């Protein structure tokens, strides 16, 4: 997806072991475009999941103010081409994050999510907000 869309900005929530992070940065580096990945997580150790050189910014969020911090941080970024949700898979967080992502995506942007079956949030949002699911 990153190679075909050639995004300027990718947002990833949830770094964990860094598999997606490494794949996204690798694709951005291959393109030599101005694309950049901003990753958000609540665990400081996840910053070590990517050790290469590349177009990557890690943002550590406070577990107690995650909603507000994520909202402010992405609000300070340009509009997003690709948003990958792979963080908290509970209903309330997924719904919050999907709505935030949709408000920050470019018109032709893509919202993608791991574990859409973890809660009904994806189905609810897709019915009213998503052009293609």
Foldseek 3Di string as FASTA:
>chain_A
DCLVVVWQEEEEEDQVLNPVVVVNFVSNVVVPDNHAYEYEYQDPVSVVSDDDDGRYDYDHDHPVCRLVVVLVVLVPPAATQEYEYDYDLDQVVVLSVVVSNLVRHDPNHYYYYPPCVSDCNVVVCCVPPNPHD
